[in-house]
Amino acid sequence: MTATCKTCTYADEHGWWGPGHRGTHCRGCHRSWTSTRETHCAVCHAHFTGDGPAELHWCDGRGDLHRAWCDGQHGRPWSPRHTDAATVKGLYAGPDGVWSTSADRDPAASRERLARVRREAAA
């Protein structure tokens, strides 16, 4: 595979992502992320806030409940159908390009809430 970013180039040469790089990296779209709750689709390279929102884009927006119903039906195991996240009702793209089921998800507001909680805990 041809490396097209400095993270991939470093990994090819040294066998790891490199100093200062936390988390993981996608060689397909070259996105890096640190959260273990986030989910990255290796097919379309969409990035999600978690498994739930990611599941929605795999079965025409019906997710796990449909999967549980569909598994074993028609004499075959569940077969995921990949759907563009932008066409799935109930998925919203945040300003950072991460898909979520929350229409009002705002990373800046989340950081501010977390900072406020930390300040209050330290007081």
PDB file of N, CA and C in Angstrom:
ATOM      1  N   MET A   1       0.840  -1.179   0.000  1.00  0.00           N
ATOM      2  CA  MET A   1       0.000   0.000   0.000  1.00  0.00           C
ATOM      3  C   MET A   1       0.883   1.240   0.000  1.00  0.00           C
ATOM      4  N   THR A   2       0.565   2.195  -0.819  1.00  0.00           N
ATOM      5  CA  THR A   2       1.331   3.420  -0.902  1.00  0.00           C
ATOM      6  C   THR A   2       0.895   4.383   0.199  1.00  0.00           C
ATOM      7  N   ALA A   3       1.835   4.842   0.983  1.00  0.00           N
ATOM      8  CA  ALA A   3       1.533   5.791   2.050  1.00  0.00           C
ATOM      9  C   ALA A   3       1.343   7.173   1.450  1.00  0.00           C
ATOM     10  N   THR A   4       0.310   7.864   1.903  1.00  0.00           N
ATOM     11  CA  THR A   4       0.048   9.200   1.371  1.00  0.00           C
ATOM     12  C   THR A   4      -0.039  10.252   2.465  1.00  0.00           C
ATOM     13  N   CYS A   5       0.313   9.895   3.699  1.00  0.00           N
ATOM     14  CA  CYS A   5       0.343  10.882   4.766  1.00  0.00           C
ATOM     15  C   CYS A   5       1.536  10.574   5.669  1.00  0.00           C
ATOM     16  N   LYS A   6       1.912  11.536   6.501  1.00  0.00           N
ATOM     17  CA  LYS A   6       3.111  11.338   7.321  1.00  0.00           C
ATOM     18  C   LYS A   6       2.918  10.253   8.377  1.00  0.00           C
ATOM     19  N   THR A   7       1.675  10.058   8.856  1.00  0.00           N
ATOM     20  CA  THR A   7       1.425   9.010   9.838  1.00  0.00           C
ATOM     21  C   THR A   7       1.647   7.636   9.218  1.00  0.00           C
ATOM     22  N   CYS A   8       1.116   7.419   8.008  1.00  0.00           N
ATOM     23  CA  CYS A   8       1.307   6.131   7.326  1.00  0.00           C
ATOM     24  C   CYS A   8       2.772   5.918   6.954  1.00  0.00           C
ATOM     25  N   THR A   9       3.426   6.963   6.507  1.00  0.00           N
ATOM     26  CA  THR A   9       4.835   6.862   6.140  1.00  0.00           C
ATOM     27  C   THR A   9       5.664   6.448   7.349  1.00  0.00           C
ATOM     28  N   TYR A  10       5.413   7.084   8.493  1.00  0.00           N
ATOM     29  CA  TYR A  10       6.133   6.748   9.716  1.00  0.00           C
ATOM     30  C   TYR A  10       5.853   5.299  10.122  1.00  0.00           C
ATOM     31  N   ALA A  11       4.584   4.894  10.055  1.00  0.00           N
ATOM     32  CA  ALA A  11       4.217   3.522  10.434  1.00  0.00           C
ATOM     33  C   ALA A  11       4.887   2.498   9.525  1.00  0.00           C
ATOM     34  N   ASP A  12       4.952   2.781   8.235  1.00  0.00           N
ATOM     35  CA  ASP A  12       5.606   1.856   7.310  1.00  0.00           C
ATOM     36  C   ASP A  12       7.086   1.699   7.634  1.00  0.00           C
ATOM     37  N   GLU A  13       7.708   2.795   8.055  1.00  0.00           N
ATOM     38  CA  GLU A  13       9.136   2.770   8.328  1.00  0.00           C
ATOM     39  C   GLU A  13       9.469   2.193   9.704  1.00  0.00           C
ATOM     40  N   HIS A  14       8.613   2.492  10.721  1.00  0.00           N
ATOM     41  CA  HIS A  14       8.953   2.143  12.096  1.00  0.00           C
ATOM     42  C   HIS A  14       8.042   1.096  12.746  1.00  0.00           C
ATOM     43  N   GLY A  15       6.935   0.767  12.101  1.00  0.00           N
ATOM     44  CA  GLY A  15       6.049  -0.253  12.654  1.00  0.00           C
ATOM     45  C   GLY A  15       5.073   0.238  13.706  1.00  0.00           C
ATOM     46  N   TRP A  16       4.953   1.534  13.885  1.00  0.00           N
ATOM     47  CA  TRP A  16       3.960   2.110  14.794  1.00  0.00           C
ATOM     48  C   TRP A  16       3.621   3.506  14.307  1.00  0.00           C
ATOM     49  N   TRP A  17       2.550   4.098  14.858  1.00  0.00           N
ATOM     50  CA  TRP A  17       2.038   5.372  14.329  1.00  0.00           C
ATOM     51  C   TRP A  17       2.962   6.551  14.585  1.00  0.00           C
ATOM     52  N   GLY A  18       3.807   6.481  15.575  1.00  0.00           N
ATOM     53  CA  GLY A  18       4.771   7.555  15.784  1.00  0.00           C
ATOM     54  C   GLY A  18       4.597   8.281  17.105  1.00  0.00           C
ATOM     55  N   PRO A  19       5.630   9.055  17.484  1.00  0.00           N
ATOM     56  CA  PRO A  19       5.587   9.776  18.752  1.00  0.00           C
ATOM     57  C   PRO A  19       4.471  10.822  18.744  1.00  0.00           C
ATOM     58  N   GLY A  20       3.805  10.940  19.861  1.00  0.00           N
ATOM     59  CA  GLY A  20       2.742  11.929  19.980  1.00  0.00           C
ATOM     60  C   GLY A  20       1.420  11.488  19.378  1.00  0.00           C
ATOM     61  N   HIS A  21       1.409  10.361  18.670  1.00  0.00           N
ATOM     62  CA  HIS A  21       0.164   9.899  18.065  1.00  0.00           C
ATOM     63  C   HIS A  21      -0.517   8.947  19.027  1.00  0.00           C
ATOM     64  N   ARG A  22      -1.703   9.362  19.489  1.00  0.00           N
ATOM     65  CA  ARG A  22      -2.486   8.513  20.383  1.00  0.00           C
ATOM     66  C   ARG A  22      -3.668   7.980  19.595  1.00  0.00           C
ATOM     67  N   GLY A  23      -4.144   6.822  19.982  1.00  0.00           N
ATOM     68  CA  GLY A  23      -5.321   6.278  19.316  1.00  0.00           C
ATOM     69  C   GLY A  23      -4.980   5.443  18.113  1.00  0.00           C
ATOM     70  N   THR A  24      -5.773   5.596  17.071  1.00  0.00           N
ATOM     71  CA  THR A  24      -5.562   4.794  15.872  1.00  0.00           C
ATOM     72  C   THR A  24      -5.722   5.652  14.625  1.00  0.00           C
ATOM     73  N   HIS A  25      -5.496   5.043  13.486  1.00  0.00           N
ATOM     74  CA  HIS A  25      -5.423   5.777  12.223  1.00  0.00           C
ATOM     75  C   HIS A  25      -5.989   4.895  11.112  1.00  0.00           C
ATOM     76  N   CYS A  26      -6.681   5.498  10.153  1.00  0.00           N
ATOM     77  CA  CYS A  26      -7.216   4.751   9.013  1.00  0.00           C
ATOM     78  C   CYS A  26      -6.323   4.989   7.799  1.00  0.00           C
ATOM     79  N   ARG A  27      -5.804   3.902   7.252  1.00  0.00           N
ATOM     80  CA  ARG A  27      -4.956   4.030   6.061  1.00  0.00           C
ATOM     81  C   ARG A  27      -5.751   4.356   4.800  1.00  0.00           C
ATOM     82  N   GLY A  28      -7.071   4.188   4.839  1.00  0.00           N
ATOM     83  CA  GLY A  28      -7.902   4.481   3.679  1.00  0.00           C
ATOM     84  C   GLY A  28      -8.186   5.960   3.508  1.00  0.00           C
ATOM     85  N   CYS A  29      -8.558   6.634   4.614  1.00  0.00           N
ATOM     86  CA  CYS A  29      -8.912   8.058   4.521  1.00  0.00           C
ATOM     87  C   CYS A  29      -7.945   8.934   5.307  1.00  0.00           C
ATOM     88  N   HIS A  30      -7.043   8.325   6.055  1.00  0.00           N
ATOM     89  CA  HIS A  30      -5.996   8.995   6.831  1.00  0.00           C
ATOM     90  C   HIS A  30      -6.542   9.821   7.985  1.00  0.00           C
ATOM     91  N   ARG A  31      -7.677   9.420   8.500  1.00  0.00           N
ATOM     92  CA  ARG A  31      -8.229  10.063   9.694  1.00  0.00           C
ATOM     93  C   ARG A  31      -7.630   9.375  10.919  1.00  0.00           C
ATOM     94  N   SER A  32      -7.318  10.155  11.950  1.00  0.00           N
ATOM     95  CA  SER A  32      -6.848   9.616  13.225  1.00  0.00           C
ATOM     96  C   SER A  32      -7.869   9.970  14.293  1.00  0.00           C
ATOM     97  N   TRP A  33      -8.008   9.096  15.290  1.00  0.00           N
ATOM     98  CA  TRP A  33      -8.912   9.392  16.400  1.00  0.00           C
ATOM     99  C   TRP A  33      -8.425   8.676  17.643  1.00  0.00           C
ATOM    100  N   THR A  34      -8.854   9.186  18.806  1.00  0.00           N
ATOM    101  CA  THR A  34      -8.378   8.636  20.072  1.00  0.00           C
ATOM    102  C   THR A  34      -9.476   7.979  20.886  1.00  0.00           C
ATOM    103  N   SER A  35     -10.721   8.335  20.673  1.00  0.00           N
ATOM    104  CA  SER A  35     -11.798   7.810  21.500  1.00  0.00           C
ATOM    105  C   SER A  35     -12.083   6.350  21.182  1.00  0.00           C
ATOM    106  N   THR A  36     -12.170   5.523  22.228  1.00  0.00           N
ATOM    107  CA  THR A  36     -12.506   4.115  22.024  1.00  0.00           C
ATOM    108  C   THR A  36     -14.005   3.936  21.817  1.00  0.00           C
ATOM    109  N   ARG A  37     -14.805   4.963  22.098  1.00  0.00           N
ATOM    110  CA  ARG A  37     -16.250   4.875  21.874  1.00  0.00           C
ATOM    111  C   ARG A  37     -16.601   5.139  20.418  1.00  0.00           C
ATOM    112  N   GLU A  38     -15.764   5.880  19.707  1.00  0.00           N
ATOM    113  CA  GLU A  38     -16.061   6.217  18.320  1.00  0.00           C
ATOM    114  C   GLU A  38     -15.909   4.998  17.413  1.00  0.00           C
ATOM    115  N   THR A  39     -16.627   5.036  16.299  1.00  0.00           N
ATOM    116  CA  THR A  39     -16.610   3.943  15.334  1.00  0.00           C
ATOM    117  C   THR A  39     -16.291   4.505  13.958  1.00  0.00           C
ATOM    118  N   HIS A  40     -15.443   3.830  13.227  1.00  0.00           N
ATOM    119  CA  HIS A  40     -15.040   4.269  11.893  1.00  0.00           C
ATOM    120  C   HIS A  40     -15.430   3.199  10.888  1.00  0.00           C
ATOM    121  N   CYS A  41     -16.104   3.581   9.816  1.00  0.00           N
ATOM    122  CA  CYS A  41     -16.520   2.620   8.796  1.00  0.00           C
ATOM    123  C   CYS A  41     -15.395   2.436   7.782  1.00  0.00           C
ATOM    124  N   ALA A  42     -14.928   1.219   7.649  1.00  0.00           N
ATOM    125  CA  ALA A  42     -13.844   0.923   6.711  1.00  0.00           C
ATOM    126  C   ALA A  42     -14.320   0.907   5.257  1.00  0.00           C
ATOM    127  N   VAL A  43     -15.635   0.921   5.035  1.00  0.00           N
ATOM    128  CA  VAL A  43     -16.171   0.920   3.675  1.00  0.00           C
ATOM    129  C   VAL A  43     -16.276   2.339   3.126  1.00  0.00           C
ATOM    130  N   CYS A  44     -16.985   3.224   3.865  1.00  0.00           N
ATOM    131  CA  CYS A  44     -17.214   4.585   3.358  1.00  0.00           C
ATOM    132  C   CYS A  44     -16.386   5.625   4.095  1.00  0.00           C
ATOM    133  N   HIS A  45     -15.680   5.229   5.143  1.00  0.00           N
ATOM    134  CA  HIS A  45     -14.832   6.092   5.956  1.00  0.00           C
ATOM    135  C   HIS A  45     -15.603   7.176   6.693  1.00  0.00           C
ATOM    136  N   ALA A  46     -16.897   6.947   6.906  1.00  0.00           N
ATOM    137  CA  ALA A  46     -17.661   7.842   7.777  1.00  0.00           C
ATOM    138  C   ALA A  46     -17.237   7.540   9.215  1.00  0.00           C
ATOM    139  N   HIS A  47     -17.347   8.542  10.066  1.00  0.00           N
ATOM    140  CA  HIS A  47     -16.928   8.400  11.457  1.00  0.00           C
ATOM    141  C   HIS A  47     -18.142   8.681  12.340  1.00  0.00           C
ATOM    142  N   PHE A  48     -18.358   7.863  13.367  1.00  0.00           N
ATOM    143  CA  PHE A  48     -19.557   7.928  14.196  1.00  0.00           C
ATOM    144  C   PHE A  48     -19.200   8.070  15.667  1.00  0.00           C
ATOM    145  N   THR A  49     -20.151   8.611  16.446  1.00  0.00           N
ATOM    146  CA  THR A  49     -19.927   8.803  17.879  1.00  0.00           C
ATOM    147  C   THR A  49     -19.941   7.495  18.656  1.00  0.00           C
ATOM    148  N   GLY A  50     -20.394   6.422  18.047  1.00  0.00           N
ATOM    149  CA  GLY A  50     -20.426   5.128  18.717  1.00  0.00           C
ATOM    150  C   GLY A  50     -20.989   4.053  17.821  1.00  0.00           C
ATOM    151  N   ASP A  51     -21.139   2.861  18.389  1.00  0.00           N
ATOM    152  CA  ASP A  51     -21.632   1.727  17.619  1.00  0.00           C
ATOM    153  C   ASP A  51     -23.081   1.902  17.172  1.00  0.00           C
ATOM    154  N   GLY A  52     -23.922   2.491  18.034  1.00  0.00           N
ATOM    155  CA  GLY A  52     -25.337   2.670  17.692  1.00  0.00           C
ATOM    156  C   GLY A  52     -25.548   3.470  16.420  1.00  0.00           C
ATOM    157  N   PRO A  53     -24.994   4.683  16.354  1.00  0.00           N
ATOM    158  CA  PRO A  53     -25.138   5.457  15.122  1.00  0.00           C
ATOM    159  C   PRO A  53     -24.516   4.759  13.911  1.00  0.00           C
ATOM    160  N   ALA A  54     -23.408   4.067  14.117  1.00  0.00           N
ATOM    161  CA  ALA A  54     -22.754   3.361  13.005  1.00  0.00           C
ATOM    162  C   ALA A  54     -23.646   2.242  12.482  1.00  0.00           C
ATOM    163  N   GLU A  55     -24.298   1.512  13.403  1.00  0.00           N
ATOM    164  CA  GLU A  55     -25.197   0.428  12.992  1.00  0.00           C
ATOM    165  C   GLU A  55     -26.313   0.934  12.089  1.00  0.00           C
ATOM    166  N   LEU A  56     -26.794   2.146  12.353  1.00  0.00           N
ATOM    167  CA  LEU A  56     -27.911   2.678  11.568  1.00  0.00           C
ATOM    168  C   LEU A  56     -27.563   2.781  10.080  1.00  0.00           C
ATOM    169  N   HIS A  57     -26.316   3.058   9.774  1.00  0.00           N
ATOM    170  CA  HIS A  57     -25.972   3.221   8.357  1.00  0.00           C
ATOM    171  C   HIS A  57     -25.694   1.884   7.669  1.00  0.00           C
ATOM    172  N   TRP A  58     -25.837   0.771   8.414  1.00  0.00           N
ATOM    173  CA  TRP A  58     -25.605  -0.544   7.825  1.00  0.00           C
ATOM    174  C   TRP A  58     -26.861  -1.284   7.419  1.00  0.00           C
ATOM    175  N   CYS A  59     -28.006  -0.862   7.847  1.00  0.00           N
ATOM    176  CA  CYS A  59     -29.198  -1.628   7.490  1.00  0.00           C
ATOM    177  C   CYS A  59     -30.353  -0.686   7.187  1.00  0.00           C
ATOM    178  N   ASP A  60     -30.139   0.204   6.252  1.00  0.00           N
ATOM    179  CA  ASP A  60     -31.174   1.132   5.809  1.00  0.00           C
ATOM    180  C   ASP A  60     -31.771   1.920   6.964  1.00  0.00           C
ATOM    181  N   GLY A  61     -30.973   2.247   7.970  1.00  0.00           N
ATOM    182  CA  GLY A  61     -31.436   3.051   9.076  1.00  0.00           C
ATOM    183  C   GLY A  61     -32.184   2.293  10.148  1.00  0.00           C
ATOM    184  N   ARG A  62     -32.227   0.961  10.062  1.00  0.00           N
ATOM    185  CA  ARG A  62     -32.998   0.196  11.043  1.00  0.00           C
ATOM    186  C   ARG A  62     -32.148  -0.373  12.163  1.00  0.00           C
ATOM    187  N   GLY A  63     -30.855  -0.454  11.979  1.00  0.00           N
ATOM    188  CA  GLY A  63     -29.939  -0.816  13.049  1.00  0.00           C
ATOM    189  C   GLY A  63     -30.129  -2.172  13.691  1.00  0.00           C
ATOM    190  N   ASP A  64     -29.746  -2.251  14.987  1.00  0.00           N
ATOM    191  CA  ASP A  64     -29.699  -3.516  15.720  1.00  0.00           C
ATOM    192  C   ASP A  64     -31.037  -4.240  15.820  1.00  0.00           C
ATOM    193  N   LEU A  65     -32.130  -3.503  16.026  1.00  0.00           N
ATOM    194  CA  LEU A  65     -33.418  -4.172  16.157  1.00  0.00           C
ATOM    195  C   LEU A  65     -33.776  -4.921  14.879  1.00  0.00           C
ATOM    196  N   HIS A  66     -33.523  -4.284  13.744  1.00  0.00           N
ATOM    197  CA  HIS A  66     -33.791  -4.951  12.481  1.00  0.00           C
ATOM    198  C   HIS A  66     -32.855  -6.135  12.296  1.00  0.00           C
ATOM    199  N   ARG A  67     -31.619  -5.970  12.706  1.00  0.00           N
ATOM    200  CA  ARG A  67     -30.650  -7.057  12.572  1.00  0.00           C
ATOM    201  C   ARG A  67     -31.107  -8.278  13.375  1.00  0.00           C
ATOM    202  N   ALA A  68     -31.566  -8.026  14.612  1.00  0.00           N
ATOM    203  CA  ALA A  68     -32.024  -9.132  15.454  1.00  0.00           C
ATOM    204  C   ALA A  68     -33.223  -9.831  14.824  1.00  0.00           C
ATOM    205  N   TRP A  69     -34.118  -9.076  14.230  1.00  0.00           N
ATOM    206  CA  TRP A  69     -35.288  -9.666  13.586  1.00  0.00           C
ATOM    207  C   TRP A  69     -34.895 -10.419  12.320  1.00  0.00           C
ATOM    208  N   CYS A  70     -33.986  -9.840  11.559  1.00  0.00           N
ATOM    209  CA  CYS A  70     -33.637 -10.351  10.240  1.00  0.00           C
ATOM    210  C   CYS A  70     -32.685 -11.553  10.288  1.00  0.00           C
ATOM    211  N   ASP A  71     -31.890 -11.669  11.355  1.00  0.00           N
ATOM    212  CA  ASP A  71     -30.896 -12.732  11.431  1.00  0.00           C
ATOM    213  C   ASP A  71     -31.579 -14.100  11.411  1.00  0.00           C
ATOM    214  N   GLY A  72     -31.210 -14.912  10.458  1.00  0.00           N
ATOM    215  CA  GLY A  72     -31.758 -16.250  10.334  1.00  0.00           C
ATOM    216  C   GLY A  72     -33.043 -16.319   9.524  1.00  0.00           C
ATOM    217  N   GLN A  73     -33.637 -15.171   9.211  1.00  0.00           N
ATOM    218  CA  GLN A  73     -34.831 -15.165   8.373  1.00  0.00           C
ATOM    219  C   GLN A  73     -34.430 -15.593   6.962  1.00  0.00           C
ATOM    220  N   HIS A  74     -35.327 -16.140   6.256  1.00  0.00           N
ATOM    221  CA  HIS A  74     -35.098 -16.528   4.859  1.00  0.00           C
ATOM    222  C   HIS A  74     -33.990 -17.567   4.725  1.00  0.00           C
ATOM    223  N   GLY A  75     -33.680 -18.283   5.830  1.00  0.00           N
ATOM    224  CA  GLY A  75     -32.699 -19.356   5.767  1.00  0.00           C
ATOM    225  C   GLY A  75     -31.263 -18.910   5.634  1.00  0.00           C
ATOM    226  N   ARG A  76     -30.968 -17.677   5.923  1.00  0.00           N
ATOM    227  CA  ARG A  76     -29.580 -17.209   5.836  1.00  0.00           C
ATOM    228  C   ARG A  76     -29.301 -16.182   6.945  1.00  0.00           C
ATOM    229  N   PRO A  77     -28.043 -16.045   7.366  1.00  0.00           N
ATOM    230  CA  PRO A  77     -27.714 -15.070   8.407  1.00  0.00           C
ATOM    231  C   PRO A  77     -27.894 -13.641   7.896  1.00  0.00           C
ATOM    232  N   TRP A  78     -28.005 -12.736   8.836  1.00  0.00           N
ATOM    233  CA  TRP A  78     -28.166 -11.326   8.507  1.00  0.00           C
ATOM    234  C   TRP A  78     -27.036 -10.855   7.594  1.00  0.00           C
ATOM    235  N   SER A  79     -27.389 -10.145   6.570  1.00  0.00           N
ATOM    236  CA  SER A  79     -26.397  -9.604   5.643  1.00  0.00           C
ATOM    237  C   SER A  79     -26.523  -8.082   5.642  1.00  0.00           C
ATOM    238  N   PRO A  80     -25.510  -7.390   6.126  1.00  0.00           N
ATOM    239  CA  PRO A  80     -25.616  -5.933   6.220  1.00  0.00           C
ATOM    240  C   PRO A  80     -25.697  -5.274   4.847  1.00  0.00           C
ATOM    241  N   ARG A  81     -26.514  -4.243   4.777  1.00  0.00           N
ATOM    242  CA  ARG A  81     -26.609  -3.424   3.570  1.00  0.00           C
ATOM    243  C   ARG A  81     -26.057  -2.054   3.901  1.00  0.00           C
ATOM    244  N   HIS A  82     -24.961  -1.686   3.285  1.00  0.00           N
ATOM    245  CA  HIS A  82     -24.310  -0.417   3.563  1.00  0.00           C
ATOM    246  C   HIS A  82     -25.126   0.720   2.951  1.00  0.00           C
ATOM    247  N   THR A  83     -25.386   1.750   3.740  1.00  0.00           N
ATOM    248  CA  THR A  83     -26.160   2.897   3.307  1.00  0.00           C
ATOM    249  C   THR A  83     -25.371   4.163   3.600  1.00  0.00           C
ATOM    250  N   ASP A  84     -25.413   5.127   2.703  1.00  0.00           N
ATOM    251  CA  ASP A  84     -24.754   6.413   2.905  1.00  0.00           C
ATOM    252  C   ASP A  84     -25.344   7.075   4.148  1.00  0.00           C
ATOM    253  N   ALA A  85     -24.501   7.453   5.090  1.00  0.00           N
ATOM    254  CA  ALA A  85     -24.973   8.048   6.348  1.00  0.00           C
ATOM    255  C   ALA A  85     -25.825   9.289   6.117  1.00  0.00           C
ATOM    256  N   ALA A  86     -25.544  10.044   5.074  1.00  0.00           N
ATOM    257  CA  ALA A  86     -26.292  11.272   4.789  1.00  0.00           C
ATOM    258  C   ALA A  86     -27.742  10.995   4.407  1.00  0.00           C
ATOM    259  N   THR A  87     -28.052   9.773   4.017  1.00  0.00           N
ATOM    260  CA  THR A  87     -29.420   9.451   3.604  1.00  0.00           C
ATOM    261  C   THR A  87     -30.219   8.749   4.695  1.00  0.00           C
ATOM    262  N   VAL A  88     -29.598   8.500   5.852  1.00  0.00           N
ATOM    263  CA  VAL A  88     -30.274   7.775   6.926  1.00  0.00           C
ATOM    264  C   VAL A  88     -30.980   8.761   7.860  1.00  0.00           C
ATOM    265  N   LYS A  89     -32.291   8.589   7.973  1.00  0.00           N
ATOM    266  CA  LYS A  89     -33.076   9.434   8.867  1.00  0.00           C
ATOM    267  C   LYS A  89     -32.615   9.188  10.301  1.00  0.00           C
ATOM    268  N   GLY A  90     -32.389  10.256  11.035  1.00  0.00           N
ATOM    269  CA  GLY A  90     -31.964  10.132  12.424  1.00  0.00           C
ATOM    270  C   GLY A  90     -30.469  10.228  12.640  1.00  0.00           C
ATOM    271  N   LEU A  91     -29.678  10.322  11.577  1.00  0.00           N
ATOM    272  CA  LEU A  91     -28.241  10.554  11.710  1.00  0.00           C
ATOM    273  C   LEU A  91     -27.947  11.998  11.338  1.00  0.00           C
ATOM    274  N   TYR A  92     -27.102  12.631  12.136  1.00  0.00           N
ATOM    275  CA  TYR A  92     -26.760  14.038  11.920  1.00  0.00           C
ATOM    276  C   TYR A  92     -25.254  14.198  11.938  1.00  0.00           C
ATOM    277  N   ALA A  93     -24.731  14.977  11.000  1.00  0.00           N
ATOM    278  CA  ALA A  93     -23.297  15.237  10.951  1.00  0.00           C
ATOM    279  C   ALA A  93     -22.987  16.446  11.820  1.00  0.00           C
ATOM    280  N   GLY A  94     -22.048  16.262  12.744  1.00  0.00           N
ATOM    281  CA  GLY A  94     -21.620  17.373  13.579  1.00  0.00           C
ATOM    282  C   GLY A  94     -20.664  18.264  12.802  1.00  0.00           C
ATOM    283  N   PRO A  95     -20.321  19.416  13.362  1.00  0.00           N
ATOM    284  CA  PRO A  95     -19.407  20.339  12.677  1.00  0.00           C
ATOM    285  C   PRO A  95     -18.025  19.737  12.434  1.00  0.00           C
ATOM    286  N   ASP A  96     -17.687  18.687  13.205  1.00  0.00           N
ATOM    287  CA  ASP A  96     -16.396  18.024  13.034  1.00  0.00           C
ATOM    288  C   ASP A  96     -16.475  16.853  12.054  1.00  0.00           C
ATOM    289  N   GLY A  97     -17.644  16.654  11.434  1.00  0.00           N
ATOM    290  CA  GLY A  97     -17.807  15.594  10.449  1.00  0.00           C
ATOM    291  C   GLY A  97     -18.115  14.235  11.045  1.00  0.00           C
ATOM    292  N   VAL A  98     -18.342  14.179  12.351  1.00  0.00           N
ATOM    293  CA  VAL A  98     -18.656  12.918  13.015  1.00  0.00           C
ATOM    294  C   VAL A  98     -20.172  12.760  13.073  1.00  0.00           C
ATOM    295  N   TRP A  99     -20.675  11.601  12.645  1.00  0.00           N
ATOM    296  CA  TRP A  99     -22.110  11.331  12.612  1.00  0.00           C
ATOM    297  C   TRP A  99     -22.609  10.911  13.987  1.00  0.00           C
ATOM    298  N   SER A 100     -23.804  11.388  14.332  1.00  0.00           N
ATOM    299  CA  SER A 100     -24.396  11.133  15.631  1.00  0.00           C
ATOM    300  C   SER A 100     -25.904  11.007  15.493  1.00  0.00           C
ATOM    301  N   THR A 101     -26.560  10.498  16.534  1.00  0.00           N
ATOM    302  CA  THR A 101     -28.019  10.476  16.541  1.00  0.00           C
ATOM    303  C   THR A 101     -28.575  11.721  17.230  1.00  0.00           C
ATOM    304  N   SER A 102     -27.716  12.613  17.665  1.00  0.00           N
ATOM    305  CA  SER A 102     -28.132  13.845  18.332  1.00  0.00           C
ATOM    306  C   SER A 102     -28.105  15.015  17.350  1.00  0.00           C
ATOM    307  N   ALA A 103     -29.262  15.613  17.127  1.00  0.00           N
ATOM    308  CA  ALA A 103     -29.348  16.727  16.179  1.00  0.00           C
ATOM    309  C   ALA A 103     -28.639  17.973  16.687  1.00  0.00           C
ATOM    310  N   ASP A 104     -28.487  18.110  17.993  1.00  0.00           N
ATOM    311  CA  ASP A 104     -27.880  19.322  18.542  1.00  0.00           C
ATOM    312  C   ASP A 104     -26.490  19.088  19.118  1.00  0.00           C
ATOM    313  N   ARG A 105     -25.831  18.050  18.652  1.00  0.00           N
ATOM    314  CA  ARG A 105     -24.483  17.752  19.131  1.00  0.00           C
ATOM    315  C   ARG A 105     -23.517  18.865  18.719  1.00  0.00           C
ATOM    316  N   ASP A 106     -22.856  19.429  19.699  1.00  0.00           N
ATOM    317  CA  ASP A 106     -21.911  20.516  19.444  1.00  0.00           C
ATOM    318  C   ASP A 106     -20.637  20.229  20.232  1.00  0.00           C
ATOM    319  N   PRO A 107     -19.550  19.893  19.558  1.00  0.00           N
ATOM    320  CA  PRO A 107     -18.312  19.544  20.274  1.00  0.00           C
ATOM    321  C   PRO A 107     -17.814  20.653  21.199  1.00  0.00           C
ATOM    322  N   ALA A 108     -17.964  21.915  20.785  1.00  0.00           N
ATOM    323  CA  ALA A 108     -17.496  23.019  21.619  1.00  0.00           C
ATOM    324  C   ALA A 108     -18.302  23.078  22.917  1.00  0.00           C
ATOM    325  N   ALA A 109     -19.611  22.899  22.838  1.00  0.00           N
ATOM    326  CA  ALA A 109     -20.455  22.913  24.035  1.00  0.00           C
ATOM    327  C   ALA A 109     -20.117  21.735  24.940  1.00  0.00           C
ATOM    328  N   SER A 110     -19.840  20.573  24.360  1.00  0.00           N
ATOM    329  CA  SER A 110     -19.468  19.401  25.150  1.00  0.00           C
ATOM    330  C   SER A 110     -18.161  19.638  25.891  1.00  0.00           C
ATOM    331  N   ARG A 111     -17.180  20.256  25.214  1.00  0.00           N
ATOM    332  CA  ARG A 111     -15.898  20.556  25.870  1.00  0.00           C
ATOM    333  C   ARG A 111     -16.098  21.538  27.020  1.00  0.00           C
ATOM    334  N   GLU A 112     -16.958  22.536  26.816  1.00  0.00           N
ATOM    335  CA  GLU A 112     -17.228  23.518  27.865  1.00  0.00           C
ATOM    336  C   GLU A 112     -17.906  22.865  29.073  1.00  0.00           C
ATOM    337  N   ARG A 113     -18.872  21.982  28.828  1.00  0.00           N
ATOM    338  CA  ARG A 113     -19.528  21.269  29.936  1.00  0.00           C
ATOM    339  C   ARG A 113     -18.513  20.439  30.712  1.00  0.00           C
ATOM    340  N   LEU A 114     -17.636  19.737  30.012  1.00  0.00           N
ATOM    341  CA  LEU A 114     -16.621  18.916  30.661  1.00  0.00           C
ATOM    342  C   LEU A 114     -15.666  19.781  31.472  1.00  0.00           C
ATOM    343  N   ALA A 115     -15.239  20.914  30.920  1.00  0.00           N
ATOM    344  CA  ALA A 115     -14.340  21.822  31.639  1.00  0.00           C
ATOM    345  C   ALA A 115     -15.018  22.360  32.900  1.00  0.00           C
ATOM    346  N   ARG A 116     -16.311  22.693  32.812  1.00  0.00           N
ATOM    347  CA  ARG A 116     -17.048  23.189  33.969  1.00  0.00           C
ATOM    348  C   ARG A 116     -17.118  22.110  35.058  1.00  0.00           C
ATOM    349  N   VAL A 117     -17.402  20.869  34.677  1.00  0.00           N
ATOM    350  CA  VAL A 117     -17.464  19.770  35.644  1.00  0.00           C
ATOM    351  C   VAL A 117     -16.111  19.580  36.312  1.00  0.00           C
ATOM    352  N   ARG A 118     -15.046  19.648  35.538  1.00  0.00           N
ATOM    353  CA  ARG A 118     -13.696  19.491  36.115  1.00  0.00           C
ATOM    354  C   ARG A 118     -13.364  20.629  37.081  1.00  0.00           C
ATOM    355  N   ARG A 119     -13.735  21.867  36.720  1.00  0.00           N
ATOM    356  CA  ARG A 119     -13.495  23.004  37.604  1.00  0.00           C
ATOM    357  C   ARG A 119     -14.254  22.825  38.926  1.00  0.00           C
ATOM    358  N   GLU A 120     -15.516  22.409  38.822  1.00  0.00           N
ATOM    359  CA  GLU A 120     -16.340  22.230  40.012  1.00  0.00           C
ATOM    360  C   GLU A 120     -15.795  21.097  40.888  1.00  0.00           C
ATOM    361  N   ALA A 121     -15.283  20.044  40.264  1.00  0.00           N
ATOM    362  CA  ALA A 121     -14.741  18.909  41.021  1.00  0.00           C
ATOM    363  C   ALA A 121     -13.449  19.293  41.740  1.00  0.00           C
ATOM    364  N   ALA A 122     -12.671  20.199  41.136  1.00  0.00           N
ATOM    365  CA  ALA A 122     -11.402  20.626  41.720  1.00  0.00           C
ATOM    366  C   ALA A 122     -11.620  21.628  42.846  1.00  0.00           C
ATOM    367  N   ALA A 123     -12.755  22.288  42.872  1.00  0.00           N
ATOM    368  CA  ALA A 123     -13.018  23.329  43.891  1.00  0.00           C
ATOM    369  C   ALA A 123     -13.354  22.749  45.237  1.00  0.00           C
TER     370      ALA A 123
END
